[in-house]
PDB file of N, CA and C in Angstrom:
ATOM      1  N   UNK A   1      65.934 146.379 161.322  1.00  0.00           N
ATOM      2  CA  UNK A   1      67.296 146.370 160.355  1.00  0.00           C
ATOM      3  C   UNK A   1      66.982 147.533 159.495  1.00  0.00           C
ATOM      4  N   UNK A   2      67.504 148.466 159.173  1.00  0.00           N
ATOM      5  CA  UNK A   2      67.080 149.808 157.737  1.00  0.00           C
ATOM      6  C   UNK A   2      68.369 149.305 156.892  1.00  0.00           C
ATOM      7  N   UNK A   3      67.658 148.828 155.750  1.00  0.00           N
ATOM      8  CA  UNK A   3      68.651 148.637 154.100  1.00  0.00           C
ATOM      9  C   UNK A   3      69.174 149.958 153.962  1.00  0.00           C
ATOM     10  N   UNK A   4      69.931 150.529 153.825  1.00  0.00           N
ATOM     11  CA  UNK A   4      70.583 151.508 152.655  1.00  0.00           C
ATOM     12  C   UNK A   4      71.235 151.322 151.899  1.00  0.00           C
ATOM     13  N   UNK A   5      70.708 152.214 150.734  1.00  0.00           N
ATOM     14  CA  UNK A   5      71.810 152.194 149.379  1.00  0.00           C
ATOM     15  C   UNK A   5      72.610 153.084 149.245  1.00  0.00           C
ATOM     16  N   UNK A   6      74.050 152.631 149.067  1.00  0.00           N
ATOM     17  CA  UNK A   6      74.851 153.526 148.720  1.00  0.00           C
ATOM     18  C   UNK A   6      75.138 153.720 147.492  1.00  0.00           C
ATOM     19  N   UNK A   7      75.196 154.807 146.741  1.00  0.00           N
ATOM     20  CA  UNK A   7      75.320 156.028 145.550  1.00  0.00           C
ATOM     21  C   UNK A   7      76.502 155.515 144.603  1.00  0.00           C
ATOM     22  N   UNK A   8      75.706 155.093 143.695  1.00  0.00           N
ATOM     23  CA  UNK A   8      76.692 154.490 142.800  1.00  0.00           C
ATOM     24  C   UNK A   8      77.697 155.514 141.770  1.00  0.00           C
ATOM     25  N   UNK A   9      78.836 155.172 141.749  1.00  0.00           N
ATOM     26  CA  UNK A   9      79.709 156.523 141.114  1.00  0.00           C
ATOM     27  C   UNK A   9      80.965 155.289 140.823  1.00  0.00           C
ATOM     28  N   UNK A  10      80.469 156.376 139.185  1.00  0.00           N
ATOM     29  CA  UNK A  10      81.941 155.052 138.598  1.00  0.00           C
ATOM     30  C   UNK A  10      83.014 156.364 138.541  1.00  0.00           C
ATOM     31  N   UNK A  11      83.024 157.544 138.470  1.00  0.00           N
ATOM     32  CA  UNK A  11      84.648 158.075 138.484  1.00  0.00           C
ATOM     33  C   UNK A  11      85.367 157.439 139.263  1.00  0.00           C
ATOM     34  N   UNK A  12      86.688 157.398 139.026  1.00  0.00           N
ATOM     35  CA  UNK A  12      87.816 156.830 139.388  1.00  0.00           C
ATOM     36  C   UNK A  12      88.344 155.451 138.723  1.00  0.00           C
ATOM     37  N   UNK A  13      89.253 155.274 139.255  1.00  0.00           N
ATOM     38  CA  UNK A  13      89.883 153.718 138.612  1.00  0.00           C
ATOM     39  C   UNK A  13      89.236 152.755 138.657  1.00  0.00           C
ATOM     40  N   UNK A  14      89.662 151.585 138.103  1.00  0.00           N
ATOM     41  CA  UNK A  14      88.823 149.972 138.182  1.00  0.00           C
ATOM     42  C   UNK A  14      89.601 149.589 137.633  1.00  0.00           C
ATOM     43  N   UNK A  15      89.627 147.941 137.795  1.00  0.00           N
ATOM     44  CA  UNK A  15      90.414 147.125 137.078  1.00  0.00           C
ATOM     45  C   UNK A  15      89.669 145.947 136.854  1.00  0.00           C
ATOM     46  N   UNK A  16      89.686 145.152 136.418  1.00  0.00           N
ATOM     47  CA  UNK A  16      88.828 144.239 135.374  1.00  0.00           C
ATOM     48  C   UNK A  16      89.734 142.755 135.285  1.00  0.00           C
ATOM     49  N   UNK A  17      89.119 141.927 134.880  1.00  0.00           N
ATOM     50  CA  UNK A  17      89.453 140.464 134.412  1.00  0.00           C
ATOM     51  C   UNK A  17      90.401 139.607 135.341  1.00  0.00           C
ATOM     52  N   UNK A  18      90.751 138.433 135.434  1.00  0.00           N
ATOM     53  CA  UNK A  18      91.327 137.558 136.125  1.00  0.00           C
ATOM     54  C   UNK A  18      92.487 136.819 135.209  1.00  0.00           C
ATOM     55  N   UNK A  19      92.856 137.683 134.312  1.00  0.00           N
ATOM     56  CA  UNK A  19      93.637 136.975 133.746  1.00  0.00           C
ATOM     57  C   UNK A  19      95.082 137.399 133.884  1.00  0.00           C
ATOM     58  N   UNK A  20      96.614 137.019 132.954  1.00  0.00           N
ATOM     59  CA  UNK A  20      97.638 137.486 133.368  1.00  0.00           C
ATOM     60  C   UNK A  20      97.847 139.079 132.616  1.00  0.00           C
ATOM     61  N   UNK A  21      96.913 139.093 131.882  1.00  0.00           N
ATOM     62  CA  UNK A  21      97.069 141.284 131.710  1.00  0.00           C
ATOM     63  C   UNK A  21      96.454 142.012 132.628  1.00  0.00           C
ATOM     64  N   UNK A  22      97.017 143.281 132.532  1.00  0.00           N
ATOM     65  CA  UNK A  22      96.417 144.132 133.858  1.00  0.00           C
ATOM     66  C   UNK A  22      95.396 145.285 133.307  1.00  0.00           C
ATOM     67  N   UNK A  23      94.524 145.339 133.382  1.00  0.00           N
ATOM     68  CA  UNK A  23      93.288 145.999 132.397  1.00  0.00           C
ATOM     69  C   UNK A  23      93.125 147.147 133.531  1.00  0.00           C
ATOM     70  N   UNK A  24      93.211 148.434 133.482  1.00  0.00           N
ATOM     71  CA  UNK A  24      92.658 149.182 134.060  1.00  0.00           C
ATOM     72  C   UNK A  24      91.726 150.161 133.375  1.00  0.00           C
ATOM     73  N   UNK A  25      90.509 150.655 134.065  1.00  0.00           N
ATOM     74  CA  UNK A  25      89.507 151.542 133.249  1.00  0.00           C
ATOM     75  C   UNK A  25      89.350 152.603 134.109  1.00  0.00           C
ATOM     76  N   UNK A  26      89.579 153.944 133.363  1.00  0.00           N
ATOM     77  CA  UNK A  26      90.036 155.353 133.979  1.00  0.00           C
ATOM     78  C   UNK A  26      88.381 156.162 133.484  1.00  0.00           C
ATOM     79  N   UNK A  27      87.084 155.929 134.557  1.00  0.00           N
ATOM     80  CA  UNK A  27      86.185 157.198 134.197  1.00  0.00           C
ATOM     81  C   UNK A  27      86.152 158.202 134.863  1.00  0.00           C
ATOM     82  N   UNK A  28      86.441 159.369 133.968  1.00  0.00           N
ATOM     83  CA  UNK A  28      86.611 160.768 134.706  1.00  0.00           C
ATOM     84  C   UNK A  28      85.424 161.518 135.063  1.00  0.00           C
ATOM     85  N   UNK A  29      85.332 162.282 135.180  1.00  0.00           N
ATOM     86  CA  UNK A  29      83.899 163.080 135.925  1.00  0.00           C
ATOM     87  C   UNK A  29      83.156 163.919 134.720  1.00  0.00           C
ATOM     88  N   UNK A  30      83.972 163.849 133.838  1.00  0.00           N
ATOM     89  CA  UNK A  30      83.705 164.678 132.572  1.00  0.00           C
ATOM     90  C   UNK A  30      82.910 163.773 131.424  1.00  0.00           C
ATOM     91  N   UNK A  31      82.937 162.499 131.667  1.00  0.00           N
ATOM     92  CA  UNK A  31      82.472 161.645 130.813  1.00  0.00           C
ATOM     93  C   UNK A  31      82.705 160.755 129.952  1.00  0.00           C
ATOM     94  N   UNK A  32      84.318 160.897 129.807  1.00  0.00           N
ATOM     95  CA  UNK A  32      85.331 160.201 129.072  1.00  0.00           C
ATOM     96  C   UNK A  32      85.939 159.434 129.786  1.00  0.00           C
ATOM     97  N   UNK A  33      86.362 158.010 129.260  1.00  0.00           N
ATOM     98  CA  UNK A  33      86.933 156.621 129.763  1.00  0.00           C
ATOM     99  C   UNK A  33      88.094 156.207 128.661  1.00  0.00           C
ATOM    100  N   UNK A  34      89.249 155.473 129.535  1.00  0.00           N
ATOM    101  CA  UNK A  34      89.957 154.839 128.838  1.00  0.00           C
ATOM    102  C   UNK A  34      90.111 153.870 129.055  1.00  0.00           C
ATOM    103  N   UNK A  35      90.364 152.871 128.412  1.00  0.00           N
ATOM    104  CA  UNK A  35      91.068 151.255 129.217  1.00  0.00           C
ATOM    105  C   UNK A  35      92.480 151.079 128.579  1.00  0.00           C
ATOM    106  N   UNK A  36      93.347 151.123 129.587  1.00  0.00           N
ATOM    107  CA  UNK A  36      94.820 150.101 129.542  1.00  0.00           C
ATOM    108  C   UNK A  36      94.866 148.921 129.670  1.00  0.00           C
ATOM    109  N   UNK A  37      95.646 148.530 128.878  1.00  0.00           N
ATOM    110  CA  UNK A  37      96.014 146.661 128.940  1.00  0.00           C
ATOM    111  C   UNK A  37      97.522 146.795 129.155  1.00  0.00           C
ATOM    112  N   UNK A  38      97.980 146.241 130.151  1.00  0.00           N
ATOM    113  CA  UNK A  38      99.623 146.357 130.562  1.00  0.00           C
ATOM    114  C   UNK A  38      99.945 147.925 130.092  1.00  0.00           C
ATOM    115  N   UNK A  39      99.309 148.995 130.452  1.00  0.00           N
ATOM    116  CA  UNK A  39     100.023 150.410 130.508  1.00  0.00           C
ATOM    117  C   UNK A  39      99.650 150.992 129.128  1.00  0.00           C
ATOM    118  N   UNK A  40      99.196 149.844 127.859  1.00  0.00           N
ATOM    119  CA  UNK A  40      99.338 150.593 126.632  1.00  0.00           C
ATOM    120  C   UNK A  40      97.564 150.845 126.614  1.00  0.00           C
ATOM    121  N   UNK A  41      97.599 152.074 125.763  1.00  0.00           N
ATOM    122  CA  UNK A  41      96.223 152.531 125.522  1.00  0.00           C
ATOM    123  C   UNK A  41      95.313 151.419 124.897  1.00  0.00           C
ATOM    124  N   UNK A  42      94.232 150.925 124.988  1.00  0.00           N
ATOM    125  CA  UNK A  42      93.794 150.150 123.948  1.00  0.00           C
ATOM    126  C   UNK A  42      92.123 150.863 123.753  1.00  0.00           C
ATOM    127  N   UNK A  43      91.685 151.471 124.336  1.00  0.00           N
ATOM    128  CA  UNK A  43      90.324 152.439 123.672  1.00  0.00           C
ATOM    129  C   UNK A  43      90.091 153.460 124.746  1.00  0.00           C
ATOM    130  N   UNK A  44      89.334 154.212 124.283  1.00  0.00           N
ATOM    131  CA  UNK A  44      88.829 155.293 124.756  1.00  0.00           C
ATOM    132  C   UNK A  44      87.462 155.954 124.319  1.00  0.00           C
ATOM    133  N   UNK A  45      86.772 156.803 125.029  1.00  0.00           N
ATOM    134  CA  UNK A  45      85.595 157.143 124.385  1.00  0.00           C
ATOM    135  C   UNK A  45      84.401 158.354 125.299  1.00  0.00           C
ATOM    136  N   UNK A  46      83.322 157.482 125.263  1.00  0.00           N
ATOM    137  CA  UNK A  46      82.927 158.488 126.608  1.00  0.00           C
ATOM    138  C   UNK A  46      81.618 157.319 126.667  1.00  0.00           C
ATOM    139  N   UNK A  47      81.113 158.006 127.909  1.00  0.00           N
ATOM    140  CA  UNK A  47      80.250 157.127 128.980  1.00  0.00           C
ATOM    141  C   UNK A  47      79.232 158.120 129.381  1.00  0.00           C
ATOM    142  N   UNK A  48      78.172 157.718 129.957  1.00  0.00           N
ATOM    143  CA  UNK A  48      76.569 157.714 130.723  1.00  0.00           C
ATOM    144  C   UNK A  48      76.466 156.775 131.750  1.00  0.00           C
ATOM    145  N   UNK A  49      76.077 157.162 133.435  1.00  0.00           N
ATOM    146  CA  UNK A  49      75.571 156.407 133.880  1.00  0.00           C
ATOM    147  C   UNK A  49      74.442 156.910 134.507  1.00  0.00           C
ATOM    148  N   UNK A  50      72.995 156.096 134.611  1.00  0.00           N
ATOM    149  CA  UNK A  50      71.687 156.861 134.997  1.00  0.00           C
ATOM    150  C   UNK A  50      71.376 155.463 135.461  1.00  0.00           C
ATOM    151  N   UNK A  51      71.386 155.790 137.237  1.00  0.00           N
ATOM    152  CA  UNK A  51      70.641 154.991 137.606  1.00  0.00           C
ATOM    153  C   UNK A  51      71.192 153.122 137.768  1.00  0.00           C
ATOM    154  N   UNK A  52      70.619 152.405 137.161  1.00  0.00           N
ATOM    155  CA  UNK A  52      71.592 151.215 136.805  1.00  0.00           C
ATOM    156  C   UNK A  52      72.080 150.826 135.414  1.00  0.00           C
ATOM    157  N   UNK A  53      72.270 151.996 134.664  1.00  0.00           N
ATOM    158  CA  UNK A  53      72.187 151.727 132.837  1.00  0.00           C
ATOM    159  C   UNK A  53      73.380 152.687 132.601  1.00  0.00           C
ATOM    160  N   UNK A  54      74.300 151.897 132.375  1.00  0.00           N
ATOM    161  CA  UNK A  54      75.486 152.526 131.666  1.00  0.00           C
ATOM    162  C   UNK A  54      75.598 152.357 130.151  1.00  0.00           C
ATOM    163  N   UNK A  55      75.317 153.308 129.520  1.00  0.00           N
ATOM    164  CA  UNK A  55      76.072 153.356 128.162  1.00  0.00           C
ATOM    165  C   UNK A  55      77.420 154.359 127.594  1.00  0.00           C
ATOM    166  N   UNK A  56      77.762 153.709 126.390  1.00  0.00           N
ATOM    167  CA  UNK A  56      79.299 153.935 126.404  1.00  0.00           C
ATOM    168  C   UNK A  56      79.369 154.022 124.848  1.00  0.00           C
ATOM    169  N   UNK A  57      80.238 154.891 124.288  1.00  0.00           N
ATOM    170  CA  UNK A  57      80.387 155.359 122.926  1.00  0.00           C
ATOM    171  C   UNK A  57      82.047 155.093 122.960  1.00  0.00           C
ATOM    172  N   UNK A  58      83.182 154.365 122.086  1.00  0.00           N
ATOM    173  CA  UNK A  58      83.867 154.186 122.114  1.00  0.00           C
ATOM    174  C   UNK A  58      84.591 154.142 121.023  1.00  0.00           C
ATOM    175  N   UNK A  59      85.878 154.092 120.315  1.00  0.00           N
ATOM    176  CA  UNK A  59      86.877 154.399 119.344  1.00  0.00           C
ATOM    177  C   UNK A  59      86.701 152.884 118.873  1.00  0.00           C
ATOM    178  N   UNK A  60      86.833 151.999 119.150  1.00  0.00           N
ATOM    179  CA  UNK A  60      87.251 150.803 118.634  1.00  0.00           C
ATOM    180  C   UNK A  60      85.654 150.377 117.698  1.00  0.00           C
ATOM    181  N   UNK A  61      84.356 150.517 118.239  1.00  0.00           N
ATOM    182  CA  UNK A  61      83.532 150.456 117.903  1.00  0.00           C
ATOM    183  C   UNK A  61      82.642 151.614 116.717  1.00  0.00           C
ATOM    184  N   UNK A  62      83.674 152.704 117.107  1.00  0.00           N
ATOM    185  CA  UNK A  62      83.108 154.032 116.186  1.00  0.00           C
ATOM    186  C   UNK A  62      81.734 154.370 117.151  1.00  0.00           C
ATOM    187  N   UNK A  63      82.208 156.189 117.235  1.00  0.00           N
ATOM    188  CA  UNK A  63      81.761 156.558 118.170  1.00  0.00           C
ATOM    189  C   UNK A  63      80.445 157.033 118.013  1.00  0.00           C
ATOM    190  N   UNK A  64      79.588 156.315 116.540  1.00  0.00           N
ATOM    191  CA  UNK A  64      78.241 156.743 116.782  1.00  0.00           C
ATOM    192  C   UNK A  64      77.175 155.395 117.144  1.00  0.00           C
ATOM    193  N   UNK A  65      77.817 154.608 117.450  1.00  0.00           N
ATOM    194  CA  UNK A  65      77.494 153.149 118.048  1.00  0.00           C
ATOM    195  C   UNK A  65      77.160 152.783 119.427  1.00  0.00           C
ATOM    196  N   UNK A  66      76.230 152.855 120.097  1.00  0.00           N
ATOM    197  CA  UNK A  66      76.326 152.847 121.656  1.00  0.00           C
ATOM    198  C   UNK A  66      75.804 151.464 121.948  1.00  0.00           C
ATOM    199  N   UNK A  67      76.818 151.227 123.323  1.00  0.00           N
ATOM    200  CA  UNK A  67      76.740 150.000 123.885  1.00  0.00           C
ATOM    201  C   UNK A  67      75.559 150.352 125.566  1.00  0.00           C
ATOM    202  N   UNK A  68      74.924 149.426 125.797  1.00  0.00           N
ATOM    203  CA  UNK A  68      74.318 149.717 126.733  1.00  0.00           C
ATOM    204  C   UNK A  68      73.878 148.150 127.531  1.00  0.00           C
ATOM    205  N   UNK A  69      73.994 148.574 128.663  1.00  0.00           N
ATOM    206  CA  UNK A  69      74.427 147.635 129.919  1.00  0.00           C
ATOM    207  C   UNK A  69      73.748 148.154 131.079  1.00  0.00           C
ATOM    208  N   UNK A  70      73.433 147.162 131.663  1.00  0.00           N
ATOM    209  CA  UNK A  70      72.506 147.350 133.246  1.00  0.00           C
ATOM    210  C   UNK A  70      74.268 146.915 133.837  1.00  0.00           C
ATOM    211  N   UNK A  71      74.308 147.757 134.828  1.00  0.00           N
ATOM    212  CA  UNK A  71      75.142 147.470 136.470  1.00  0.00           C
ATOM    213  C   UNK A  71      74.456 147.199 137.357  1.00  0.00           C
ATOM    214  N   UNK A  72      75.409 146.216 137.654  1.00  0.00           N
ATOM    215  CA  UNK A  72      74.884 145.414 139.174  1.00  0.00           C
ATOM    216  C   UNK A  72      75.699 145.786 140.135  1.00  0.00           C
ATOM    217  N   UNK A  73      75.949 146.644 141.203  1.00  0.00           N
ATOM    218  CA  UNK A  73      77.072 146.698 142.406  1.00  0.00           C
ATOM    219  C   UNK A  73      76.627 145.867 143.251  1.00  0.00           C
ATOM    220  N   UNK A  74      77.899 145.147 143.687  1.00  0.00           N
ATOM    221  CA  UNK A  74      77.860 144.425 145.012  1.00  0.00           C
ATOM    222  C   UNK A  74      78.327 145.005 146.262  1.00  0.00           C
ATOM    223  N   UNK A  75      78.761 146.143 145.555  1.00  0.00           N
ATOM    224  CA  UNK A  75      79.634 146.832 146.831  1.00  0.00           C
ATOM    225  C   UNK A  75      79.650 148.519 146.076  1.00  0.00           C
ATOM    226  N   UNK A  76      80.144 149.393 147.243  1.00  0.00           N
ATOM    227  CA  UNK A  76      80.175 150.841 145.865  1.00  0.00           C
ATOM    228  C   UNK A  76      81.426 150.331 145.337  1.00  0.00           C
ATOM    229  N   UNK A  77      82.424 149.623 145.416  1.00  0.00           N
ATOM    230  CA  UNK A  77      83.597 149.376 144.746  1.00  0.00           C
ATOM    231  C   UNK A  77      83.918 148.070 143.933  1.00  0.00           C
ATOM    232  N   UNK A  78      82.413 147.699 143.487  1.00  0.00           N
ATOM    233  CA  UNK A  78      82.316 146.328 142.790  1.00  0.00           C
ATOM    234  C   UNK A  78      81.360 146.400 142.215  1.00  0.00           C
ATOM    235  N   UNK A  79      81.549 145.501 140.583  1.00  0.00           N
ATOM    236  CA  UNK A  79      80.210 145.976 139.929  1.00  0.00           C
ATOM    237  C   UNK A  79      80.266 144.673 138.924  1.00  0.00           C
ATOM    238  N   UNK A  80      79.065 144.468 138.283  1.00  0.00           N
ATOM    239  CA  UNK A  80      78.957 143.714 137.046  1.00  0.00           C
ATOM    240  C   UNK A  80      78.077 144.371 135.791  1.00  0.00           C
ATOM    241  N   UNK A  81      78.342 143.941 134.480  1.00  0.00           N
ATOM    242  CA  UNK A  81      77.554 144.487 133.392  1.00  0.00           C
ATOM    243  C   UNK A  81      76.959 142.956 132.908  1.00  0.00           C
ATOM    244  N   UNK A  82      75.647 143.853 132.228  1.00  0.00           N
ATOM    245  CA  UNK A  82      75.017 142.738 131.775  1.00  0.00           C
ATOM    246  C   UNK A  82      74.353 143.336 130.824  1.00  0.00           C
ATOM    247  N   UNK A  83      74.519 142.752 129.275  1.00  0.00           N
ATOM    248  CA  UNK A  83      74.088 143.104 128.056  1.00  0.00           C
ATOM    249  C   UNK A  83      72.805 143.861 128.235  1.00  0.00           C
ATOM    250  N   UNK A  84      72.237 145.164 127.486  1.00  0.00           N
ATOM    251  CA  UNK A  84      70.845 145.342 127.325  1.00  0.00           C
ATOM    252  C   UNK A  84      70.641 145.489 125.936  1.00  0.00           C
ATOM    253  N   UNK A  85      71.780 146.273 125.281  1.00  0.00           N
ATOM    254  CA  UNK A  85      71.898 146.238 123.817  1.00  0.00           C
ATOM    255  C   UNK A  85      73.076 146.732 123.141  1.00  0.00           C
ATOM    256  N   UNK A  86      73.668 146.182 121.964  1.00  0.00           N
ATOM    257  CA  UNK A  86      74.704 146.371 121.905  1.00  0.00           C
ATOM    258  C   UNK A  86      75.374 145.345 120.408  1.00  0.00           C
ATOM    259  N   UNK A  87      74.940 146.169 119.244  1.00  0.00           N
ATOM    260  CA  UNK A  87      75.525 145.552 118.526  1.00  0.00           C
ATOM    261  C   UNK A  87      76.991 145.650 117.550  1.00  0.00           C
ATOM    262  N   UNK A  88      78.126 146.478 118.727  1.00  0.00           N
ATOM    263  CA  UNK A  88      79.200 145.584 118.501  1.00  0.00           C
ATOM    264  C   UNK A  88      79.309 144.556 118.777  1.00  0.00           C
ATOM    265  N   UNK A  89      79.932 143.643 118.748  1.00  0.00           N
ATOM    266  CA  UNK A  89      80.004 142.286 118.774  1.00  0.00           C
ATOM    267  C   UNK A  89      81.559 142.121 119.864  1.00  0.00           C
ATOM    268  N   UNK A  90      81.966 142.516 119.270  1.00  0.00           N
ATOM    269  CA  UNK A  90      83.892 142.699 119.804  1.00  0.00           C
ATOM    270  C   UNK A  90      83.476 142.990 121.300  1.00  0.00           C
ATOM    271  N   UNK A  91      82.804 144.438 121.343  1.00  0.00           N
ATOM    272  CA  UNK A  91      82.530 145.291 122.329  1.00  0.00           C
ATOM    273  C   UNK A  91      81.371 144.322 123.473  1.00  0.00           C
ATOM    274  N   UNK A  92      80.549 143.911 123.299  1.00  0.00           N
ATOM    275  CA  UNK A  92      79.706 143.354 123.739  1.00  0.00           C
ATOM    276  C   UNK A  92      79.965 141.705 124.329  1.00  0.00           C
ATOM    277  N   UNK A  93      80.870 141.223 123.694  1.00  0.00           N
ATOM    278  CA  UNK A  93      81.317 139.815 124.134  1.00  0.00           C
ATOM    279  C   UNK A  93      82.790 140.567 125.152  1.00  0.00           C
ATOM    280  N   UNK A  94      83.766 141.393 125.087  1.00  0.00           N
ATOM    281  CA  UNK A  94      83.995 141.752 126.425  1.00  0.00           C
ATOM    282  C   UNK A  94      83.359 142.166 127.687  1.00  0.00           C
ATOM    283  N   UNK A  95      82.664 143.126 127.221  1.00  0.00           N
ATOM    284  CA  UNK A  95      81.661 143.911 128.524  1.00  0.00           C
ATOM    285  C   UNK A  95      80.970 142.807 128.949  1.00  0.00           C
ATOM    286  N   UNK A  96      80.044 142.375 128.566  1.00  0.00           N
ATOM    287  CA  UNK A  96      78.642 141.650 129.110  1.00  0.00           C
ATOM    288  C   UNK A  96      79.536 140.586 130.114  1.00  0.00           C
ATOM    289  N   UNK A  97      79.001 140.428 131.429  1.00  0.00           N
ATOM    290  CA  UNK A  97      78.997 139.398 131.915  1.00  0.00           C
ATOM    291  C   UNK A  97      80.766 139.882 132.621  1.00  0.00           C
ATOM    292  N   UNK A  98      81.160 140.874 131.925  1.00  0.00           N
ATOM    293  CA  UNK A  98      82.422 141.850 133.481  1.00  0.00           C
ATOM    294  C   UNK A  98      81.974 142.306 134.534  1.00  0.00           C
ATOM    295  N   UNK A  99      83.156 141.896 135.623  1.00  0.00           N
ATOM    296  CA  UNK A  99      83.251 142.523 136.709  1.00  0.00           C
ATOM    297  C   UNK A  99      84.546 143.117 136.711  1.00  0.00           C
ATOM    298  N   UNK A 100      84.134 144.202 137.493  1.00  0.00           N
ATOM    299  CA  UNK A 100      84.991 145.280 137.685  1.00  0.00           C
ATOM    300  C   UNK A 100      85.046 145.835 138.953  1.00  0.00           C
ATOM    301  N   UNK A 101      86.401 146.432 139.771  1.00  0.00           N
ATOM    302  CA  UNK A 101      86.440 146.479 140.825  1.00  0.00           C
ATOM    303  C   UNK A 101      87.530 147.996 141.102  1.00  0.00           C
ATOM    304  N   UNK A 102      86.765 148.800 142.392  1.00  0.00           N
ATOM    305  CA  UNK A 102      87.922 150.027 142.323  1.00  0.00           C
ATOM    306  C   UNK A 102      88.946 150.015 142.768  1.00  0.00           C
ATOM    307  N   UNK A 103      89.930 150.776 142.471  1.00  0.00           N
ATOM    308  CA  UNK A 103      91.349 150.897 142.844  1.00  0.00           C
ATOM    309  C   UNK A 103      91.381 152.004 143.784  1.00  0.00           C
ATOM    310  N   UNK A 104      91.949 151.708 144.826  1.00  0.00           N
ATOM    311  CA  UNK A 104      91.490 152.933 146.126  1.00  0.00           C
ATOM    312  C   UNK A 104      93.358 153.326 146.133  1.00  0.00           C
TER     313      UNK A 104
END
């Protein structure tokens, strides 16, 4: 039996959370992202994704403050974030341990 790795690609629309709010994450091919909660824009910024490392800069924490996370993909359409380094406590509190699912 052969083990095949699937390519990891964040580009597209994802959902997060299990609460009462509808959280949507849009990752664009140009390295920009938007986060909407219940249809209202909550955050936006830029990101990069190389191998298993996700790095982001967002409006809520300041454009010069990076957040760096390890991503573990369970399938091509589901993943989780694990904190590597992020001095923005509000962001790291929301993202560390978070899971996302791709919306098709």
